[in-house]
Amino acid sequence: MSLEDLHLNLRNLSSDDYGQLKTLMDAVYHDIGGAWPKRTIDKLIQEFPDGQIAIEDDGRLVGVALTAQVDYDDFSNPHKYDDLIGHREIILNDADGDAMYGLDVLIHPDYRGYRLGRRLYEARKELCRSLNLRAILAGGRIPSYHQYPDLSPAEYIERVARKEIHDPILSFQLANDFQVKRLLRKYLPEDEKSQGFATLLEWNNILFEPAERVLENRPTQVRIGAVQWQMRECASMEAVLQQVEYFVDALSSYQSDFAVFPELFNAPLMGLQDRATQQDQIAAIRFLAGFTEQFKTELSRMAVSYNINIVAGSMIEVGEEDRLYNVSYLCHRDGQVEKQSKLHITPQERREWVIEGGDELQVFDTDAGRVGILICYDVEFPELARLLADQDMDILFVPFWTDTKNGYLRVRHCAQARAIENECYVVLCGSVGNVPSIRNLDIQYAQSAVFSPSDFPFPHDAVLAETTPNTEMVIFSDLDLTRLTVVRAEGSVTNLKDRRKDLFDLRWRDWSWKSGANLNE
């Protein structure tokens, strides 16, 4: 399966999916009876449509989570699987229940390794929060238990919890913040691998408000994780990608919606050539461009596998007519990849590497807000961020690379100005370290940061988070997008709303003629 062809979509299951669902369930549950009858699935979809969640790839069903609504008091106590099943294998969904019950999670064998099960679990949790339900309960099989006849069920569960034993179901549940509430006996007698035992698992909704149901939408929260990346000598492309994946894994573990890397973070790969060869800087930068396609593919894989959107700093791309561009890739966690070229090229980039500026600017729609990307020098041109703000941008990402503190301060002060004048969040992410053996990579200076508008809902200095200067580390920041809506409409000042459009305006020129389009048509 090619990552270029992968396009994942999270949606609710429909009755029309039954043919594919049956095939999937028969393959996964061949040892305990296979698929539910169609009438069972149709009834469940009819009674609790939001709880039946599917992941498709271009129409192909690749992941499913089936869920019922139940009474917490009934199912948080000892019970059997049959307590969920009524006449003619109809699942007993309780529309007035105050908890969800996880019935099944299935992933197509071809799509394992992309952490789609985790994605389905996160969707269940979000549904539980949005419906203001008390918890998610599940009876979890322990299919590896038959391999340990000398252990009692309690001892087996304890050893799985200590990661001394891997159980394909219990280990996964524990990794997704479920807690073992009790041992269930004779839960599913036909389950020979679990010998009839199961664990009663529970995930508590800490936002549950029992006094009343919350009808209004909760504030939209977006978590940003930025990597202040250390430039260092490397032995191979694989070593750099291993370091990238280490950080992506770490940021994903903290449930970040975005992982952000700096401008030209893979530049140390030029050091795979000797110092003498590097003297031809045009050849060196083209050598670096040779790694871009594989980096893009691997970063897209990581975005899908770790369920996190990746702002891939920037890399050198060979474009039309063999010209070089400095390009940032936005790798969505659904498999889509978009890009933003650097528009303003620094004198050093033009002189040493003959890099050219792009001619397109856009806001990207993501599952965590509308975002823009301006690479380093671009943020020093206020028109660009204002054009993005006119397209309702929420977050502006600024991957940068500066060698001296005064260069860094130019970028920082301009980035903070963009946050204030456009009433948006700005994420500044740069690189640190000294690599004397690589020409033009000798020194770096950075203090990455997250800026907000300057008003009462935000920190007094409009800095949400910042790193220690010149130290490799990550920063996290939780961004509340609803605060932007409030400050834009009711802030102490309203920069966007108060512009004197009767006196001045800003527009993006039509460059379609460059591709041969006829503007008169």
Protein backbone atom coordinates (compact mmCIF):
# COMPACT_ATOMS: atom_id res chain seq x y z
CA MET A 1 0.00 0.00 0.00
CA SER A 2 1.43 3.38 -1.06
CA LEU A 3 1.23 6.28 1.38
CA GLU A 4 0.68 8.59 -1.58
CA ASP A 5 -2.65 6.84 -2.23
CA LEU A 6 -3.72 6.79 1.43
CA HIS A 7 -6.59 9.10 2.38
CA LEU A 8 -8.30 8.23 5.65
CA ASN A 9 -11.73 9.46 6.61
CA LEU A 10 -13.35 9.10 10.04
CA ARG A 11 -17.15 8.87 9.84
CA ASN A 12 -20.19 7.08 11.21
CA LEU A 13 -21.04 3.57 10.06
CA SER A 14 -24.05 3.12 7.78
CA SER A 15 -26.20 0.12 6.90
CA ASP A 16 -24.66 0.12 3.43
CA ASP A 17 -21.33 -0.82 5.00
CA TYR A 18 -22.55 -4.20 6.21
CA GLY A 19 -21.01 -6.24 3.39
CA GLN A 20 -17.53 -4.95 4.16
CA LEU A 21 -18.16 -5.08 7.92
CA LYS A 22 -19.17 -8.75 7.74
CA THR A 23 -16.01 -9.66 5.85
CA LEU A 24 -13.91 -7.81 8.40
CA MET A 25 -15.65 -9.33 11.44
CA ASP A 26 -15.54 -12.85 10.01
CA ALA A 27 -11.78 -12.52 9.55
CA VAL A 28 -11.07 -11.05 13.00
CA TYR A 29 -13.58 -13.07 15.05
CA HIS A 30 -13.33 -16.38 13.27
CA ASP A 31 -12.72 -18.15 16.60
CA ILE A 32 -15.80 -16.75 18.41
CA GLY A 33 -18.57 -16.84 15.86
CA GLY A 34 -17.67 -14.21 13.28
CA ALA A 35 -19.89 -11.29 12.29
CA TRP A 36 -23.09 -10.02 13.82
CA PRO A 37 -26.21 -10.52 11.64
CA LYS A 38 -27.22 -7.54 9.53
CA ARG A 39 -30.37 -6.95 11.61
CA THR A 40 -28.18 -6.53 14.70
CA ILE A 41 -25.99 -3.89 13.07
CA ASP A 42 -28.95 -2.08 11.48
CA LYS A 43 -30.74 -1.86 14.82
CA LEU A 44 -27.61 -0.58 16.59
CA ILE A 45 -27.08 2.10 13.92
CA GLN A 46 -30.73 3.12 14.16
CA GLU A 47 -30.68 3.44 17.97
CA PHE A 48 -27.21 4.92 18.53
CA PRO A 49 -25.84 6.20 15.18
CA ASP A 50 -23.12 8.44 16.68
CA GLY A 51 -21.60 5.49 18.54
CA GLN A 52 -20.88 3.44 15.42
CA ILE A 53 -17.60 4.83 14.10
CA ALA A 54 -15.77 3.82 10.93
CA ILE A 55 -12.50 4.65 9.21
CA GLU A 56 -12.45 4.35 5.43
CA ASP A 57 -9.70 4.69 2.86
CA ASP A 58 -11.18 5.75 -0.50
CA GLY A 59 -14.42 3.92 0.26
CA ARG A 60 -12.75 0.82 1.71
CA LEU A 61 -13.78 0.03 5.30
CA VAL A 62 -10.51 -0.38 7.24
CA GLY A 63 -11.51 0.20 10.88
CA VAL A 64 -14.71 0.00 12.96
CA ALA A 65 -15.75 0.68 16.55
CA LEU A 66 -19.19 -0.52 17.66
CA THR A 67 -20.65 1.00 20.81
CA ALA A 68 -23.84 0.81 22.88
CA GLN A 69 -25.31 3.20 25.40
CA VAL A 70 -25.91 1.61 28.82
CA ASP A 71 -26.74 2.38 32.45
CA TYR A 72 -23.49 2.83 34.37
CA ASP A 73 -24.70 1.22 37.59
CA ASP A 74 -25.82 -1.92 35.77
CA PHE A 75 -22.66 -2.51 33.74
CA SER A 76 -19.99 -1.24 36.13
CA ASN A 77 -20.85 -4.26 38.28
CA PRO A 78 -20.31 -7.96 37.43
CA HIS A 79 -22.12 -8.98 34.28
CA LYS A 80 -21.89 -11.29 31.28
CA TYR A 81 -21.74 -10.52 27.60
CA ASP A 82 -25.21 -11.99 27.22
CA ASP A 83 -26.57 -9.22 29.45
CA LEU A 84 -26.04 -6.92 26.48
CA ILE A 85 -27.91 -9.17 24.06
CA GLY A 86 -31.66 -9.47 23.67
CA HIS A 87 -33.99 -11.56 21.50
CA ARG A 88 -32.66 -12.51 18.03
CA GLU A 89 -29.20 -11.13 18.82
CA ILE A 90 -30.38 -7.54 19.20
CA ILE A 91 -27.97 -5.44 21.26
CA LEU A 92 -29.78 -3.82 24.20
CA ASN A 93 -29.04 -0.14 23.69
CA ASP A 94 -30.36 2.15 26.44
CA ALA A 95 -31.07 5.61 24.99
CA ASP A 96 -31.29 7.01 28.54
CA GLY A 97 -28.04 5.40 29.67
CA ASP A 98 -25.33 7.53 31.24
CA ALA A 99 -22.36 5.53 29.92
CA MET A 100 -21.03 4.00 26.70
CA TYR A 101 -20.11 0.33 26.32
CA GLY A 102 -17.39 -0.62 23.86
CA LEU A 103 -18.53 -3.69 21.96
CA ASP A 104 -15.96 -4.21 19.22
CA VAL A 105 -12.94 -2.52 17.65
CA LEU A 106 -11.70 -4.03 14.39
CA ILE A 107 -8.80 -3.02 12.16
CA HIS A 108 -8.20 -4.47 8.70
CA PRO A 109 -4.95 -6.51 8.73
CA ASP A 110 -3.52 -4.43 5.85
CA TYR A 111 -3.83 -1.27 7.95
CA ARG A 112 -2.33 -2.43 11.22
CA GLY A 113 0.65 -0.41 12.34
CA TYR A 114 -1.01 2.94 11.61
CA ARG A 115 -2.54 3.15 15.11
CA LEU A 116 -6.07 3.33 13.74
CA GLY A 117 -7.36 1.56 16.86
CA ARG A 118 -6.08 4.45 18.95
CA ARG A 119 -7.82 6.87 16.59
CA LEU A 120 -11.13 5.05 17.05
CA TYR A 121 -10.69 5.09 20.82
CA GLU A 122 -10.02 8.83 20.78
CA ALA A 123 -13.18 9.34 18.71
CA ARG A 124 -15.14 7.36 21.29
CA LYS A 125 -13.73 9.52 24.09
CA GLU A 126 -14.66 12.71 22.26
CA LEU A 127 -18.19 11.38 21.77
CA CYS A 128 -18.40 10.50 25.46
CA ARG A 129 -17.38 14.05 26.38
CA SER A 130 -19.72 15.69 23.88
CA LEU A 131 -22.71 13.65 25.11
CA ASN A 132 -21.70 14.36 28.73
CA LEU A 133 -21.70 10.66 29.58
CA ARG A 134 -20.09 9.36 32.73
CA ALA A 135 -17.68 6.76 31.36
CA ILE A 136 -16.80 4.22 28.70
CA LEU A 137 -17.04 0.63 29.89
CA ALA A 138 -15.86 -2.51 28.12
CA GLY A 139 -15.57 -6.20 28.78
CA GLY A 140 -12.08 -7.00 27.55
CA ARG A 141 -11.06 -10.47 26.44
CA ILE A 142 -7.59 -11.72 27.47
CA PRO A 143 -6.79 -13.94 24.48
CA SER A 144 -3.19 -14.72 25.47
CA TYR A 145 -4.21 -16.09 28.88
CA HIS A 146 -4.35 -19.71 27.67
CA GLN A 147 -0.57 -19.55 27.12
CA TYR A 148 0.02 -19.16 30.89
CA PRO A 149 -1.78 -22.09 32.59
CA ASP A 150 0.21 -21.64 35.80
CA LEU A 151 -1.08 -18.11 36.40
CA SER A 152 -4.37 -17.15 37.98
CA PRO A 153 -6.36 -14.51 36.03
CA ALA A 154 -5.44 -11.89 38.63
CA GLU A 155 -1.73 -12.72 38.35
CA TYR A 156 -1.96 -12.63 34.57
CA ILE A 157 -3.62 -9.20 34.59
CA GLU A 158 -1.01 -7.87 37.00
CA ARG A 159 1.86 -9.09 34.82
CA VAL A 160 0.27 -7.56 31.71
CA ALA A 161 -0.06 -4.27 33.59
CA ARG A 162 3.65 -4.44 34.44
CA LYS A 163 4.37 -5.12 30.73
CA GLU A 164 5.97 -8.47 31.52
CA ILE A 165 3.36 -10.11 29.28
CA HIS A 166 1.82 -8.65 26.14
CA ASP A 167 -1.89 -9.30 25.63
CA PRO A 168 -3.20 -7.97 22.29
CA ILE A 169 -6.41 -6.63 23.85
CA LEU A 170 -5.62 -5.83 27.50
CA SER A 171 -2.26 -4.21 26.71
CA PHE A 172 -3.95 -2.01 24.12
CA GLN A 173 -6.73 -1.01 26.51
CA LEU A 174 -4.28 -0.10 29.25
CA ALA A 175 -2.26 1.97 26.79
CA ASN A 176 -5.43 3.93 26.00
CA ASP A 177 -6.02 5.04 29.61
CA PHE A 178 -8.53 2.35 30.53
CA GLN A 179 -8.36 0.97 34.04
CA VAL A 180 -9.19 -2.59 35.10
CA LYS A 181 -12.17 -2.29 37.41
CA ARG A 182 -12.74 -5.98 38.17
CA LEU A 183 -12.43 -9.53 36.83
CA LEU A 184 -15.46 -10.92 35.01
CA ARG A 185 -16.04 -14.70 35.18
CA LYS A 186 -17.86 -16.68 32.49
CA TYR A 187 -18.12 -13.45 30.50
CA LEU A 188 -17.94 -15.18 27.13
CA PRO A 189 -17.82 -18.95 27.79
CA GLU A 190 -17.06 -19.82 24.14
CA ASP A 191 -13.88 -17.74 24.27
CA GLU A 192 -11.45 -20.62 24.83
CA LYS A 193 -8.32 -18.49 24.57
CA SER A 194 -9.48 -16.32 27.48
CA GLN A 195 -10.95 -19.39 29.22
CA GLY A 196 -14.18 -17.46 29.74
CA PHE A 197 -12.53 -14.66 31.72
CA ALA A 198 -12.56 -10.98 30.86
CA THR A 199 -11.62 -7.70 32.46
CA LEU A 200 -14.15 -4.97 33.17
CA LEU A 201 -12.41 -1.88 31.88
CA GLU A 202 -13.37 1.72 32.48
CA TRP A 203 -12.38 5.13 31.12
CA ASN A 204 -13.77 7.97 33.21
CA ASN A 205 -14.94 11.20 31.63
CA ILE A 206 -13.45 13.75 34.04
CA LEU A 207 -15.58 16.48 32.41
CA PHE A 208 -18.82 14.67 33.21
CA GLU A 209 -21.35 16.98 34.86
CA PRO A 210 -24.09 14.86 36.44
CA ALA A 211 -26.35 17.74 37.45
CA GLU A 212 -27.38 18.60 33.92
CA ARG A 213 -26.63 17.80 30.32
CA VAL A 214 -24.38 20.32 28.63
CA LEU A 215 -26.02 21.44 25.38
CA GLU A 216 -23.58 24.08 24.23
CA ASN A 217 -20.31 23.26 22.56
CA ARG A 218 -17.26 23.18 24.76
CA PRO A 219 -14.27 25.40 23.90
CA THR A 220 -12.22 24.07 21.04
CA GLN A 221 -8.77 23.13 22.33
CA VAL A 222 -5.76 22.53 20.10
CA ARG A 223 -2.49 21.23 21.52
CA ILE A 224 0.72 22.29 19.80
CA GLY A 225 4.05 20.51 20.23
CA ALA A 226 7.13 22.22 18.77
CA VAL A 227 10.62 20.72 18.52
CA GLN A 228 13.58 23.04 19.09
CA TRP A 229 15.80 20.84 16.98
CA GLN A 230 19.56 20.50 17.44
CA MET A 231 21.60 20.49 14.27
CA ARG A 232 24.20 17.74 14.62
CA GLU A 233 26.46 15.65 12.44
CA CYS A 234 24.69 12.53 11.18
CA ALA A 235 25.83 9.21 9.83
CA SER A 236 22.89 8.59 7.49
CA MET A 237 19.45 9.70 6.38
CA GLU A 238 17.96 6.88 8.48
CA ALA A 239 19.58 8.32 11.62
CA VAL A 240 17.94 11.69 11.05
CA LEU A 241 14.55 10.09 10.40
CA GLN A 242 14.93 8.02 13.57
CA GLN A 243 15.46 11.23 15.55
CA VAL A 244 12.41 12.81 13.86
CA GLU A 245 10.25 9.81 14.72
CA TYR A 246 11.45 9.92 18.33
CA PHE A 247 10.07 13.44 18.67
CA VAL A 248 6.86 12.68 16.76
CA ASP A 249 6.25 9.72 19.07
CA ALA A 250 6.85 11.88 22.14
CA LEU A 251 4.54 14.68 20.98
CA SER A 252 1.85 12.17 20.02
CA SER A 253 2.07 10.58 23.47
CA TYR A 254 1.04 13.94 24.90
CA GLN A 255 -1.90 14.00 22.47
CA SER A 256 -0.65 16.96 20.46
CA ASP A 257 -2.66 17.91 17.41
CA PHE A 258 0.42 19.33 15.67
CA ALA A 259 4.13 18.49 15.68
CA VAL A 260 6.25 21.38 14.39
CA PHE A 261 9.85 21.23 13.12
CA PRO A 262 12.23 24.07 12.10
CA GLU A 263 13.28 25.36 8.71
CA LEU A 264 15.75 23.10 6.85
CA PHE A 265 15.99 20.76 9.85
CA ASN A 266 17.54 18.03 7.68
CA ALA A 267 20.37 20.29 6.45
CA PRO A 268 23.04 18.25 8.34
CA LEU A 269 22.66 15.63 5.59
CA MET A 270 24.92 17.87 3.50
CA GLY A 271 27.65 16.64 5.85
CA LEU A 272 27.45 13.20 4.26
CA GLN A 273 29.70 14.81 1.66
CA ASP A 274 33.24 15.70 2.65
CA ARG A 275 34.21 19.32 3.35
CA ALA A 276 35.98 19.73 0.03
CA THR A 277 32.93 18.61 -1.94
CA GLN A 278 30.78 21.04 0.05
CA GLN A 279 32.72 23.97 -1.37
CA ASP A 280 30.40 23.82 -4.36
CA GLN A 281 27.35 25.04 -2.45
CA ILE A 282 24.96 24.66 -5.37
CA ALA A 283 25.92 21.00 -5.71
CA ALA A 284 25.64 20.59 -1.91
CA ILE A 285 22.13 22.00 -1.73
CA ARG A 286 21.03 19.87 -4.67
CA PHE A 287 22.50 16.87 -2.86
CA LEU A 288 20.29 17.79 0.11
CA ALA A 289 17.24 18.10 -2.17
CA GLY A 290 17.76 14.47 -3.15
CA PHE A 291 16.49 13.39 0.27
CA THR A 292 13.28 15.44 0.23
CA GLU A 293 10.93 12.97 -1.42
CA GLN A 294 11.74 10.18 1.02
CA PHE A 295 11.50 12.56 3.98
CA LYS A 296 8.08 13.67 2.78
CA THR A 297 6.93 10.06 2.46
CA GLU A 298 8.25 9.08 5.88
CA LEU A 299 6.80 12.15 7.62
CA SER A 300 3.42 11.44 6.05
CA ARG A 301 3.65 7.86 7.35
CA MET A 302 4.44 9.18 10.84
CA ALA A 303 1.52 11.62 10.70
CA VAL A 304 -0.87 8.75 9.97
CA SER A 305 0.75 6.24 12.32
CA TYR A 306 0.97 8.59 15.29
CA ASN A 307 -2.33 10.40 14.56
CA ILE A 308 -0.75 13.86 14.54
CA ASN A 309 -0.53 16.64 11.97
CA ILE A 310 3.11 17.43 11.16
CA VAL A 311 4.39 20.81 10.04
CA ALA A 312 7.56 19.48 8.47
CA GLY A 313 9.70 22.59 8.95
CA SER A 314 11.04 23.07 5.46
CA MET A 315 13.13 21.18 2.93
CA ILE A 316 14.67 21.91 -0.45
CA GLU A 317 12.49 20.88 -3.39
CA VAL A 318 13.44 20.71 -7.05
CA GLY A 319 10.56 22.29 -8.94
CA GLU A 320 9.71 23.07 -12.54
CA GLU A 321 12.58 23.82 -14.90
CA ASP A 322 14.97 22.31 -12.33
CA ARG A 323 14.63 25.32 -10.01
CA LEU A 324 15.14 25.06 -6.25
CA TYR A 325 12.54 26.07 -3.66
CA ASN A 326 12.45 26.13 0.14
CA VAL A 327 9.20 24.30 0.94
CA SER A 328 7.27 23.44 4.09
CA TYR A 329 5.05 20.34 3.96
CA LEU A 330 1.91 19.97 6.03
CA CYS A 331 1.40 16.24 6.56
CA HIS A 332 -2.17 15.68 7.72
CA ARG A 333 -2.97 12.71 9.91
CA ASP A 334 -5.51 11.52 7.32
CA GLY A 335 -2.70 10.96 4.80
CA GLN A 336 -3.08 14.19 2.82
CA VAL A 337 0.08 16.26 2.14
CA GLU A 338 0.01 19.97 1.29
CA LYS A 339 2.82 22.48 0.89
CA GLN A 340 3.75 26.12 1.28
CA SER A 341 6.84 27.52 -0.45
CA LYS A 342 8.96 30.24 1.06
CA LEU A 343 8.08 33.41 -0.85
CA HIS A 344 10.82 35.82 0.22
CA ILE A 345 14.33 34.46 -0.19
CA THR A 346 17.17 35.84 1.92
CA PRO A 347 20.30 37.24 0.25
CA GLN A 348 22.33 34.30 1.58
CA GLU A 349 19.90 31.73 0.09
CA ARG A 350 20.01 33.47 -3.29
CA ARG A 351 23.77 33.96 -3.27
CA GLU A 352 24.93 30.56 -2.00
CA TRP A 353 22.18 28.20 -3.15
CA VAL A 354 20.29 30.01 -5.94
CA ILE A 355 16.94 29.30 -4.26
CA GLU A 356 13.87 30.99 -5.75
CA GLY A 357 10.70 32.22 -4.09
CA GLY A 358 7.33 30.55 -4.60
CA ASP A 359 4.25 32.44 -5.79
CA GLU A 360 1.34 30.86 -3.91
CA LEU A 361 -0.05 31.55 -0.42
CA GLN A 362 -2.90 29.71 1.23
CA VAL A 363 -4.67 28.81 4.45
CA PHE A 364 -4.90 25.08 5.12
CA ASP A 365 -8.02 23.47 6.57
CA THR A 366 -7.10 20.90 9.22
CA ASP A 367 -9.07 18.90 11.78
CA ALA A 368 -7.66 21.29 14.42
CA GLY A 369 -8.28 24.70 12.89
CA ARG A 370 -7.36 26.80 9.87
CA VAL A 371 -3.61 27.30 9.69
CA GLY A 372 -1.02 29.18 7.68
CA ILE A 373 2.73 28.68 7.26
CA LEU A 374 5.29 31.42 6.73
CA ILE A 375 8.91 30.24 6.56
CA CYS A 376 11.33 32.41 8.55
CA TYR A 377 12.00 35.59 6.46
CA ASP A 378 8.38 35.59 5.21
CA VAL A 379 7.07 36.54 8.65
CA GLU A 380 8.99 39.83 8.35
CA PHE A 381 6.56 40.90 5.61
CA PRO A 382 3.27 41.79 7.36
CA GLU A 383 1.21 41.68 4.18
CA LEU A 384 1.42 37.88 4.01
CA ALA A 385 0.00 37.23 7.47
CA ARG A 386 -2.74 39.81 6.87
CA LEU A 387 -3.77 38.02 3.66
CA LEU A 388 -3.97 34.78 5.64
CA ALA A 389 -5.97 36.48 8.40
CA ASP A 390 -8.47 37.63 5.77
CA GLN A 391 -9.04 33.90 5.11
CA ASP A 392 -9.88 33.24 8.79
CA MET A 393 -6.53 31.76 9.82
CA ASP A 394 -6.43 30.62 13.46
CA ILE A 395 -2.78 29.53 13.83
CA LEU A 396 0.30 30.73 11.99
CA PHE A 397 3.31 28.38 11.98
CA VAL A 398 6.75 29.96 11.50
CA PRO A 399 9.56 27.41 11.06
CA PHE A 400 12.83 29.36 11.08
CA TRP A 401 16.61 29.07 10.98
CA THR A 402 18.78 31.93 12.26
CA ASP A 403 22.46 31.94 13.12
CA THR A 404 22.77 35.02 15.36
CA LYS A 405 20.69 36.56 18.11
CA ASN A 406 19.93 39.72 16.17
CA GLY A 407 18.68 37.60 13.27
CA TYR A 408 16.54 35.62 15.69
CA LEU A 409 15.11 38.79 17.25
CA ARG A 410 14.04 40.08 13.85
CA VAL A 411 11.99 36.92 13.37
CA ARG A 412 10.67 36.87 16.94
CA HIS A 413 9.55 40.50 17.10
CA CYS A 414 7.88 40.29 13.70
CA ALA A 415 6.14 37.02 14.63
CA GLN A 416 4.79 38.55 17.82
CA ALA A 417 3.56 41.57 15.87
CA ARG A 418 1.72 39.22 13.48
CA ALA A 419 -0.09 37.61 16.44
CA ILE A 420 -1.23 40.99 17.75
CA GLU A 421 -2.25 42.67 14.51
CA ASN A 422 -4.03 39.60 13.10
CA GLU A 423 -5.49 38.33 16.41
CA CYS A 424 -4.18 34.81 15.90
CA TYR A 425 -1.77 32.36 17.52
CA VAL A 426 1.77 32.20 16.14
CA VAL A 427 4.08 29.20 16.67
CA LEU A 428 7.78 29.98 16.22
CA CYS A 429 10.05 26.93 15.86
CA GLY A 430 13.81 27.05 15.26
CA SER A 431 17.03 25.04 15.43
CA VAL A 432 20.07 25.18 17.71
CA GLY A 433 23.59 23.75 17.85
CA ASN A 434 26.97 24.18 16.18
CA VAL A 435 28.19 22.05 13.27
CA PRO A 436 31.58 23.45 12.19
CA SER A 437 32.19 20.61 9.75
CA ILE A 438 29.32 21.72 7.48
CA ARG A 439 29.59 24.97 5.58
CA ASN A 440 26.76 27.45 6.29
CA LEU A 441 25.68 25.32 9.25
CA ASP A 442 28.34 26.53 11.66
CA ILE A 443 26.10 28.17 14.29
CA GLN A 444 22.41 28.48 15.11
CA TYR A 445 20.48 30.60 17.60
CA ALA A 446 16.89 29.96 18.62
CA GLN A 447 14.35 30.39 21.36
CA SER A 448 11.15 28.83 20.06
CA ALA A 449 7.88 30.24 21.35
CA VAL A 450 4.09 30.37 21.04
CA PHE A 451 2.53 33.85 20.89
CA SER A 452 -1.06 34.97 21.40
CA PRO A 453 -2.95 38.21 20.86
CA SER A 454 -2.28 40.77 23.58
CA ASP A 455 -5.52 41.06 25.55
CA PHE A 456 -7.11 39.94 28.81
CA PRO A 457 -7.92 36.30 27.87
CA PHE A 458 -4.20 35.70 27.21
CA PRO A 459 -0.95 35.94 29.23
CA HIS A 460 0.07 39.46 30.16
CA ASP A 461 3.12 39.31 27.87
CA ALA A 462 1.25 37.46 25.09
CA VAL A 463 3.73 34.56 25.34
CA LEU A 464 2.00 31.23 25.93
CA ALA A 465 5.19 29.16 26.01
CA GLU A 466 8.87 29.44 25.14
CA THR A 467 11.96 27.29 25.26
CA THR A 468 15.31 27.76 26.91
CA PRO A 469 17.55 29.47 24.34
CA ASN A 470 19.96 27.24 22.40
CA THR A 471 18.86 23.98 24.05
CA GLU A 472 17.29 21.03 22.25
CA MET A 473 13.84 20.52 23.77
CA VAL A 474 10.13 20.46 23.05
CA ILE A 475 7.41 22.86 24.14
CA PHE A 476 3.69 22.31 24.42
CA SER A 477 0.91 24.85 24.35
CA ASP A 478 -2.87 24.44 24.51
CA LEU A 479 -4.61 26.93 22.24
CA ASP A 480 -8.24 27.86 22.81
CA LEU A 481 -9.65 28.80 19.41
CA THR A 482 -12.88 30.21 20.88
CA ARG A 483 -10.83 32.93 22.59
CA LEU A 484 -9.86 34.20 19.15
CA THR A 485 -13.49 34.56 18.21
CA VAL A 486 -14.17 36.54 21.38
CA VAL A 487 -11.16 38.84 21.10
CA ARG A 488 -11.87 39.56 17.43
CA ALA A 489 -15.42 40.63 18.27
CA GLU A 490 -15.17 42.02 21.80
CA GLY A 491 -11.49 42.61 22.62
CA SER A 492 -10.06 45.72 24.21
CA VAL A 493 -9.01 46.56 20.67
CA THR A 494 -10.22 44.82 17.52
CA ASN A 495 -7.42 45.13 14.99
CA LEU A 496 -9.03 43.18 12.18
CA LYS A 497 -12.49 44.70 12.51
CA ASP A 498 -11.26 48.30 12.86
CA ARG A 499 -9.18 48.48 9.68
CA ARG A 500 -9.96 51.54 7.56
CA LYS A 501 -10.84 49.74 4.36
CA ASP A 502 -12.20 53.02 3.01
CA LEU A 503 -8.61 54.27 2.97
CA PHE A 504 -6.54 51.19 2.08
CA ASP A 505 -6.88 47.61 0.93
CA LEU A 506 -4.71 44.56 0.30
CA ARG A 507 -5.00 42.02 -2.49
CA TRP A 508 -3.11 39.04 -3.91
CA ARG A 509 -2.16 39.40 -7.55
CA ASP A 510 -3.27 36.77 -10.04
CA TRP A 511 -0.17 34.89 -11.18
CA SER A 512 -2.04 32.33 -13.29
CA TRP A 513 -0.38 33.75 -16.41
CA LYS A 514 2.82 32.08 -15.29
CA SER A 515 1.27 28.69 -15.99
CA GLY A 516 -0.02 29.76 -19.42
CA ALA A 517 -3.62 30.55 -18.46
CA ASN A 518 -5.46 33.13 -20.57
CA LEU A 519 -6.76 35.84 -18.23
CA ASN A 520 -9.20 37.11 -20.88
CA GLU A 521 -11.18 33.88 -20.88
